Amino acid sequence: MIQGDAKIKNIDELEFAVFCIENIAIRLGKHAEQVYSALTEKSSILDDYIIPEYEILHTQSKEYIVDDIISLMKEKGIEI
């Protein structure tokens, strides 16, 4: 369940969040649960970045989205 201020408003945002989690997991060779934890429990990237920026992010390529979120995780010192 999403805990922060940004709530998933529709199925498109939910599918995008799952898309991000799954593709980051694939890129990093980790389980999706580990990525979800990193984006929600170890940080608030899901609530503070992925969901609020959905309108812009979802128009980008998969590679761009994954690179962007992984870069943000590194900036914030989030490790999986």
PDB file of N, CA and C in Angstrom:
ATOM      1  N   MET A   1       0.842  -1.189   0.000  1.00  0.00           N
ATOM      2  CA  MET A   1       0.000   0.000   0.000  1.00  0.00           C
ATOM      3  C   MET A   1       0.881   1.244   0.000  1.00  0.00           C
ATOM      4  N   ILE A   2       0.492   2.222  -0.738  1.00  0.00           N
ATOM      5  CA  ILE A   2       1.250   3.468  -0.847  1.00  0.00           C
ATOM      6  C   ILE A   2       0.988   4.301   0.416  1.00  0.00           C
ATOM      7  N   GLN A   3       2.067   4.763   1.036  1.00  0.00           N
ATOM      8  CA  GLN A   3       1.958   5.443   2.314  1.00  0.00           C
ATOM      9  C   GLN A   3       2.041   6.974   2.244  1.00  0.00           C
ATOM     10  N   GLY A   4       2.707   7.519   1.254  1.00  0.00           N
ATOM     11  CA  GLY A   4       2.993   8.952   1.224  1.00  0.00           C
ATOM     12  C   GLY A   4       1.827   9.804   0.771  1.00  0.00           C
ATOM     13  N   ASP A   5       2.128  11.076   0.494  1.00  0.00           N
ATOM     14  CA  ASP A   5       1.108  12.030   0.076  1.00  0.00           C
ATOM     15  C   ASP A   5       0.589  11.750  -1.322  1.00  0.00           C
ATOM     16  N   ALA A   6       1.458  11.285  -2.202  1.00  0.00           N
ATOM     17  CA  ALA A   6       1.051  11.018  -3.579  1.00  0.00           C
ATOM     18  C   ALA A   6       0.361   9.667  -3.620  1.00  0.00           C
ATOM     19  N   LYS A   7      -0.886   9.676  -4.011  1.00  0.00           N
ATOM     20  CA  LYS A   7      -1.643   8.439  -4.100  1.00  0.00           C
ATOM     21  C   LYS A   7      -1.811   8.074  -5.562  1.00  0.00           C
ATOM     22  N   ILE A   8      -1.780   6.791  -5.816  1.00  0.00           N
ATOM     23  CA  ILE A   8      -2.036   6.314  -7.168  1.00  0.00           C
ATOM     24  C   ILE A   8      -3.511   6.569  -7.456  1.00  0.00           C
ATOM     25  N   LYS A   9      -3.767   7.312  -8.532  1.00  0.00           N
ATOM     26  CA  LYS A   9      -5.115   7.768  -8.823  1.00  0.00           C
ATOM     27  C   LYS A   9      -5.880   6.888  -9.809  1.00  0.00           C
ATOM     28  N   ASN A  10      -5.143   6.102 -10.596  1.00  0.00           N
ATOM     29  CA  ASN A  10      -5.822   5.297 -11.606  1.00  0.00           C
ATOM     30  C   ASN A  10      -4.974   4.102 -12.000  1.00  0.00           C
ATOM     31  N   ILE A  11      -5.538   3.245 -12.815  1.00  0.00           N
ATOM     32  CA  ILE A  11      -4.862   2.019 -13.223  1.00  0.00           C
ATOM     33  C   ILE A  11      -3.589   2.319 -14.014  1.00  0.00           C
ATOM     34  N   ASP A  12      -3.570   3.405 -14.767  1.00  0.00           N
ATOM     35  CA  ASP A  12      -2.377   3.765 -15.541  1.00  0.00           C
ATOM     36  C   ASP A  12      -1.190   4.039 -14.623  1.00  0.00           C
ATOM     37  N   GLU A  13      -1.416   4.780 -13.554  1.00  0.00           N
ATOM     38  CA  GLU A  13      -0.336   5.070 -12.605  1.00  0.00           C
ATOM     39  C   GLU A  13       0.107   3.805 -11.881  1.00  0.00           C
ATOM     40  N   LEU A  14      -0.843   2.928 -11.544  1.00  0.00           N
ATOM     41  CA  LEU A  14      -0.503   1.673 -10.897  1.00  0.00           C
ATOM     42  C   LEU A  14       0.347   0.811 -11.823  1.00  0.00           C
ATOM     43  N   GLU A  15      -0.083   0.676 -13.064  1.00  0.00           N
ATOM     44  CA  GLU A  15       0.681  -0.107 -14.032  1.00  0.00           C
ATOM     45  C   GLU A  15       2.068   0.481 -14.255  1.00  0.00           C
ATOM     46  N   PHE A  16       2.179   1.808 -14.257  1.00  0.00           N
ATOM     47  CA  PHE A  16       3.474   2.447 -14.435  1.00  0.00           C
ATOM     48  C   PHE A  16       4.390   2.165 -13.247  1.00  0.00           C
ATOM     49  N   ALA A  17       3.848   2.230 -12.033  1.00  0.00           N
ATOM     50  CA  ALA A  17       4.646   1.937 -10.844  1.00  0.00           C
ATOM     51  C   ALA A  17       5.173   0.504 -10.899  1.00  0.00           C
ATOM     52  N   VAL A  18       4.319  -0.435 -11.273  1.00  0.00           N
ATOM     53  CA  VAL A  18       4.728  -1.838 -11.395  1.00  0.00           C
ATOM     54  C   VAL A  18       5.782  -1.984 -12.491  1.00  0.00           C
ATOM     55  N   PHE A  19       5.560  -1.307 -13.622  1.00  0.00           N
ATOM     56  CA  PHE A  19       6.523  -1.315 -14.730  1.00  0.00           C
ATOM     57  C   PHE A  19       7.895  -0.848 -14.255  1.00  0.00           C
ATOM     58  N   CYS A  20       7.930   0.245 -13.517  1.00  0.00           N
ATOM     59  CA  CYS A  20       9.200   0.784 -13.015  1.00  0.00           C
ATOM     60  C   CYS A  20       9.876  -0.209 -12.083  1.00  0.00           C
ATOM     61  N   ILE A  21       9.124  -0.737 -11.140  1.00  0.00           N
ATOM     62  CA  ILE A  21       9.683  -1.672 -10.164  1.00  0.00           C
ATOM     63  C   ILE A  21      10.232  -2.906 -10.856  1.00  0.00           C
ATOM     64  N   GLU A  22       9.443  -3.485 -11.749  1.00  0.00           N
ATOM     65  CA  GLU A  22       9.878  -4.711 -12.426  1.00  0.00           C
ATOM     66  C   GLU A  22      11.112  -4.480 -13.290  1.00  0.00           C
ATOM     67  N   ASN A  23      11.153  -3.376 -14.015  1.00  0.00           N
ATOM     68  CA  ASN A  23      12.285  -3.135 -14.907  1.00  0.00           C
ATOM     69  C   ASN A  23      13.552  -2.733 -14.168  1.00  0.00           C
ATOM     70  N   ILE A  24      13.424  -2.055 -13.049  1.00  0.00           N
ATOM     71  CA  ILE A  24      14.594  -1.767 -12.213  1.00  0.00           C
ATOM     72  C   ILE A  24      15.129  -3.080 -11.643  1.00  0.00           C
ATOM     73  N   ALA A  25      14.225  -3.950 -11.204  1.00  0.00           N
ATOM     74  CA  ALA A  25      14.631  -5.250 -10.666  1.00  0.00           C
ATOM     75  C   ALA A  25      15.392  -6.057 -11.719  1.00  0.00           C
ATOM     76  N   ILE A  26      14.891  -6.073 -12.931  1.00  0.00           N
ATOM     77  CA  ILE A  26      15.563  -6.793 -14.014  1.00  0.00           C
ATOM     78  C   ILE A  26      16.950  -6.209 -14.247  1.00  0.00           C
ATOM     79  N   ARG A  27      17.033  -4.888 -14.351  1.00  0.00           N
ATOM     80  CA  ARG A  27      18.320  -4.225 -14.614  1.00  0.00           C
ATOM     81  C   ARG A  27      19.338  -4.522 -13.527  1.00  0.00           C
ATOM     82  N   LEU A  28      18.886  -4.529 -12.264  1.00  0.00           N
ATOM     83  CA  LEU A  28      19.800  -4.716 -11.141  1.00  0.00           C
ATOM     84  C   LEU A  28      19.976  -6.184 -10.749  1.00  0.00           C
ATOM     85  N   GLY A  29      19.208  -7.067 -11.373  1.00  0.00           N
ATOM     86  CA  GLY A  29      19.294  -8.482 -11.026  1.00  0.00           C
ATOM     87  C   GLY A  29      18.782  -8.767  -9.627  1.00  0.00           C
ATOM     88  N   LYS A  30      17.763  -8.047  -9.220  1.00  0.00           N
ATOM     89  CA  LYS A  30      17.184  -8.185  -7.880  1.00  0.00           C
ATOM     90  C   LYS A  30      15.726  -8.623  -7.995  1.00  0.00           C
ATOM     91  N   HIS A  31      15.135  -8.964  -6.859  1.00  0.00           N
ATOM     92  CA  HIS A  31      13.717  -9.296  -6.814  1.00  0.00           C
ATOM     93  C   HIS A  31      12.904  -8.003  -6.766  1.00  0.00           C
ATOM     94  N   ALA A  32      11.736  -8.018  -7.366  1.00  0.00           N
ATOM     95  CA  ALA A  32      10.867  -6.836  -7.378  1.00  0.00           C
ATOM     96  C   ALA A  32      10.537  -6.374  -5.957  1.00  0.00           C
ATOM     97  N   GLU A  33      10.398  -7.311  -5.031  1.00  0.00           N
ATOM     98  CA  GLU A  33      10.098  -6.949  -3.642  1.00  0.00           C
ATOM     99  C   GLU A  33      11.212  -6.095  -3.044  1.00  0.00           C
ATOM    100  N   GLN A  34      12.450  -6.395  -3.397  1.00  0.00           N
ATOM    101  CA  GLN A  34      13.593  -5.618  -2.898  1.00  0.00           C
ATOM    102  C   GLN A  34      13.553  -4.195  -3.458  1.00  0.00           C
ATOM    103  N   VAL A  35      13.209  -4.079  -4.732  1.00  0.00           N
ATOM    104  CA  VAL A  35      13.126  -2.755  -5.355  1.00  0.00           C
ATOM    105  C   VAL A  35      11.974  -1.971  -4.744  1.00  0.00           C
ATOM    106  N   TYR A  36      10.823  -2.613  -4.570  1.00  0.00           N
ATOM    107  CA  TYR A  36       9.669  -1.945  -3.953  1.00  0.00           C
ATOM    108  C   TYR A  36      10.047  -1.412  -2.574  1.00  0.00           C
ATOM    109  N   SER A  37      10.728  -2.239  -1.790  1.00  0.00           N
ATOM    110  CA  SER A  37      11.160  -1.820  -0.461  1.00  0.00           C
ATOM    111  C   SER A  37      12.089  -0.613  -0.538  1.00  0.00           C
ATOM    112  N   ALA A  38      13.015  -0.637  -1.488  1.00  0.00           N
ATOM    113  CA  ALA A  38      13.954   0.479  -1.638  1.00  0.00           C
ATOM    114  C   ALA A  38      13.234   1.771  -2.024  1.00  0.00           C
ATOM    115  N   LEU A  39      12.175   1.652  -2.806  1.00  0.00           N
ATOM    116  CA  LEU A  39      11.453   2.834  -3.287  1.00  0.00           C
ATOM    117  C   LEU A  39      10.390   3.325  -2.316  1.00  0.00           C
ATOM    118  N   THR A  40      10.061   2.510  -1.304  1.00  0.00           N
ATOM    119  CA  THR A  40       9.001   2.907  -0.371  1.00  0.00           C
ATOM    120  C   THR A  40       9.444   2.938   1.084  1.00  0.00           C
ATOM    121  N   GLU A  41      10.211   1.940   1.508  1.00  0.00           N
ATOM    122  CA  GLU A  41      10.608   1.858   2.916  1.00  0.00           C
ATOM    123  C   GLU A  41      11.957   2.528   3.178  1.00  0.00           C
ATOM    124  N   LYS A  42      12.904   2.325   2.264  1.00  0.00           N
ATOM    125  CA  LYS A  42      14.235   2.923   2.417  1.00  0.00           C
ATOM    126  C   LYS A  42      14.271   4.356   1.911  1.00  0.00           C
ATOM    127  N   SER A  43      13.278   4.718   1.115  1.00  0.00           N
ATOM    128  CA  SER A  43      13.173   6.075   0.571  1.00  0.00           C
ATOM    129  C   SER A  43      11.703   6.340   0.272  1.00  0.00           C
ATOM    130  N   SER A  44      11.428   7.501  -0.245  1.00  0.00           N
ATOM    131  CA  SER A  44      10.049   7.822  -0.649  1.00  0.00           C
ATOM    132  C   SER A  44      10.008   8.128  -2.144  1.00  0.00           C
ATOM    133  N   ILE A  45      10.891   7.498  -2.895  1.00  0.00           N
ATOM    134  CA  ILE A  45      10.996   7.772  -4.332  1.00  0.00           C
ATOM    135  C   ILE A  45       9.685   7.467  -5.063  1.00  0.00           C
ATOM    136  N   LEU A  46       9.012   6.392  -4.680  1.00  0.00           N
ATOM    137  CA  LEU A  46       7.752   6.065  -5.355  1.00  0.00           C
ATOM    138  C   LEU A  46       6.733   7.179  -5.148  1.00  0.00           C
ATOM    139  N   ASP A  47       6.562   7.605  -3.897  1.00  0.00           N
ATOM    140  CA  ASP A  47       5.568   8.638  -3.572  1.00  0.00           C
ATOM    141  C   ASP A  47       5.983  10.043  -3.971  1.00  0.00           C
ATOM    142  N   ASP A  48       7.271  10.322  -3.881  1.00  0.00           N
ATOM    143  CA  ASP A  48       7.734  11.699  -4.103  1.00  0.00           C
ATOM    144  C   ASP A  48       8.223  11.979  -5.522  1.00  0.00           C
ATOM    145  N   TYR A  49       8.464  10.918  -6.297  1.00  0.00           N
ATOM    146  CA  TYR A  49       8.986  11.144  -7.646  1.00  0.00           C
ATOM    147  C   TYR A  49       8.230  10.376  -8.723  1.00  0.00           C
ATOM    148  N   ILE A  50       8.162   9.062  -8.592  1.00  0.00           N
ATOM    149  CA  ILE A  50       7.582   8.259  -9.669  1.00  0.00           C
ATOM    150  C   ILE A  50       6.112   8.601  -9.909  1.00  0.00           C
ATOM    151  N   ILE A  51       5.310   8.609  -8.879  1.00  0.00           N
ATOM    152  CA  ILE A  51       3.872   8.893  -9.051  1.00  0.00           C
ATOM    153  C   ILE A  51       3.623  10.362  -9.418  1.00  0.00           C
ATOM    154  N   PRO A  52       4.204  11.322  -8.695  1.00  0.00           N
ATOM    155  CA  PRO A  52       3.944  12.725  -9.067  1.00  0.00           C
ATOM    156  C   PRO A  52       4.427  13.088 -10.473  1.00  0.00           C
ATOM    157  N   GLU A  53       5.488  12.430 -10.931  1.00  0.00           N
ATOM    158  CA  GLU A  53       6.050  12.747 -12.253  1.00  0.00           C
ATOM    159  C   GLU A  53       5.579  11.778 -13.338  1.00  0.00           C
ATOM    160  N   TYR A  54       4.533  11.021 -13.054  1.00  0.00           N
ATOM    161  CA  TYR A  54       4.015  10.042 -14.012  1.00  0.00           C
ATOM    162  C   TYR A  54       3.772  10.643 -15.388  1.00  0.00           C
ATOM    163  N   GLU A  55       3.109  11.772 -15.451  1.00  0.00           N
ATOM    164  CA  GLU A  55       2.739  12.380 -16.744  1.00  0.00           C
ATOM    165  C   GLU A  55       3.950  12.625 -17.636  1.00  0.00           C
ATOM    166  N   ILE A  56       5.056  12.998 -17.047  1.00  0.00           N
ATOM    167  CA  ILE A  56       6.271  13.243 -17.823  1.00  0.00           C
ATOM    168  C   ILE A  56       7.039  11.943 -18.049  1.00  0.00           C
ATOM    169  N   LEU A  57       7.232  11.173 -16.990  1.00  0.00           N
ATOM    170  CA  LEU A  57       8.057   9.975 -17.081  1.00  0.00           C
ATOM    171  C   LEU A  57       7.500   8.942 -18.051  1.00  0.00           C
ATOM    172  N   HIS A  58       6.195   8.741 -18.056  1.00  0.00           N
ATOM    173  CA  HIS A  58       5.656   7.647 -18.862  1.00  0.00           C
ATOM    174  C   HIS A  58       5.792   7.879 -20.366  1.00  0.00           C
ATOM    175  N   THR A  59       6.176   9.082 -20.748  1.00  0.00           N
ATOM    176  CA  THR A  59       6.373   9.369 -22.177  1.00  0.00           C
ATOM    177  C   THR A  59       7.806   9.065 -22.627  1.00  0.00           C
ATOM    178  N   GLN A  60       8.659   8.706 -21.678  1.00  0.00           N
ATOM    179  CA  GLN A  60      10.068   8.441 -21.979  1.00  0.00           C
ATOM    180  C   GLN A  60      10.283   6.959 -22.298  1.00  0.00           C
ATOM    181  N   SER A  61      11.464   6.639 -22.786  1.00  0.00           N
ATOM    182  CA  SER A  61      11.791   5.241 -23.091  1.00  0.00           C
ATOM    183  C   SER A  61      12.018   4.459 -21.793  1.00  0.00           C
ATOM    184  N   LYS A  62      11.892   3.150 -21.891  1.00  0.00           N
ATOM    185  CA  LYS A  62      12.133   2.290 -20.736  1.00  0.00           C
ATOM    186  C   LYS A  62      13.536   2.512 -20.194  1.00  0.00           C
ATOM    187  N   GLU A  63      14.518   2.590 -21.079  1.00  0.00           N
ATOM    188  CA  GLU A  63      15.899   2.767 -20.650  1.00  0.00           C
ATOM    189  C   GLU A  63      16.072   4.080 -19.888  1.00  0.00           C
ATOM    190  N   TYR A  64      15.466   5.144 -20.407  1.00  0.00           N
ATOM    191  CA  TYR A  64      15.563   6.449 -19.749  1.00  0.00           C
ATOM    192  C   TYR A  64      14.953   6.385 -18.349  1.00  0.00           C
ATOM    193  N   ILE A  65      13.759   5.814 -18.255  1.00  0.00           N
ATOM    194  CA  ILE A  65      13.048   5.746 -16.969  1.00  0.00           C
ATOM    195  C   ILE A  65      13.872   4.969 -15.947  1.00  0.00           C
ATOM    196  N   VAL A  66      14.337   3.795 -16.338  1.00  0.00           N
ATOM    197  CA  VAL A  66      15.114   2.952 -15.421  1.00  0.00           C
ATOM    198  C   VAL A  66      16.413   3.655 -15.021  1.00  0.00           C
ATOM    199  N   ASP A  67      17.124   4.211 -15.992  1.00  0.00           N
ATOM    200  CA  ASP A  67      18.371   4.934 -15.692  1.00  0.00           C
ATOM    201  C   ASP A  67      18.113   6.105 -14.749  1.00  0.00           C
ATOM    202  N   ASP A  68      17.044   6.835 -14.997  1.00  0.00           N
ATOM    203  CA  ASP A  68      16.707   8.010 -14.198  1.00  0.00           C
ATOM    204  C   ASP A  68      16.428   7.630 -12.744  1.00  0.00           C
ATOM    205  N   ILE A  69      15.640   6.599 -12.550  1.00  0.00           N
ATOM    206  CA  ILE A  69      15.287   6.200 -11.185  1.00  0.00           C
ATOM    207  C   ILE A  69      16.491   5.600 -10.471  1.00  0.00           C
ATOM    208  N   ILE A  70      17.277   4.786 -11.161  1.00  0.00           N
ATOM    209  CA  ILE A  70      18.487   4.234 -10.538  1.00  0.00           C
ATOM    210  C   ILE A  70      19.458   5.353 -10.172  1.00  0.00           C
ATOM    211  N   SER A  71      19.590   6.337 -11.018  1.00  0.00           N
ATOM    212  CA  SER A  71      20.443   7.491 -10.728  1.00  0.00           C
ATOM    213  C   SER A  71      19.957   8.221  -9.474  1.00  0.00           C
ATOM    214  N   LEU A  72      18.643   8.401  -9.360  1.00  0.00           N
ATOM    215  CA  LEU A  72      18.075   9.058  -8.181  1.00  0.00           C
ATOM    216  C   LEU A  72      18.326   8.224  -6.925  1.00  0.00           C
ATOM    217  N   MET A  73      18.208   6.917  -7.047  1.00  0.00           N
ATOM    218  CA  MET A  73      18.493   6.040  -5.909  1.00  0.00           C
ATOM    219  C   MET A  73      19.940   6.199  -5.465  1.00  0.00           C
ATOM    220  N   LYS A  74      20.862   6.245  -6.427  1.00  0.00           N
ATOM    221  CA  LYS A  74      22.278   6.420  -6.088  1.00  0.00           C
ATOM    222  C   LYS A  74      22.521   7.769  -5.422  1.00  0.00           C
ATOM    223  N   GLU A  75      21.888   8.815  -5.951  1.00  0.00           N
ATOM    224  CA  GLU A  75      22.008  10.166  -5.357  1.00  0.00           C
ATOM    225  C   GLU A  75      21.607  10.162  -3.900  1.00  0.00           C
ATOM    226  N   LYS A  76      20.548   9.409  -3.594  1.00  0.00           N
ATOM    227  CA  LYS A  76      20.017   9.369  -2.235  1.00  0.00           C
ATOM    228  C   LYS A  76      20.689   8.296  -1.373  1.00  0.00           C
ATOM    229  N   GLY A  77      21.650   7.589  -1.951  1.00  0.00           N
ATOM    230  CA  GLY A  77      22.368   6.562  -1.196  1.00  0.00           C
ATOM    231  C   GLY A  77      21.542   5.314  -0.911  1.00  0.00           C
ATOM    232  N   ILE A  78      20.572   5.047  -1.762  1.00  0.00           N
ATOM    233  CA  ILE A  78      19.691   3.880  -1.560  1.00  0.00           C
ATOM    234  C   ILE A  78      20.325   2.681  -2.244  1.00  0.00           C
ATOM    235  N   GLU A  79      20.581   1.638  -1.462  1.00  0.00           N
ATOM    236  CA  GLU A  79      21.151   0.411  -1.996  1.00  0.00           C
ATOM    237  C   GLU A  79      20.154  -0.722  -1.818  1.00  0.00           C
ATOM    238  N   ILE A  80      20.223  -1.662  -2.740  1.00  0.00           N
ATOM    239  CA  ILE A  80      19.332  -2.823  -2.652  1.00  0.00           C
ATOM    240  C   ILE A  80      20.180  -4.036  -2.329  1.00  0.00           C
TER     241      ILE A  80
END
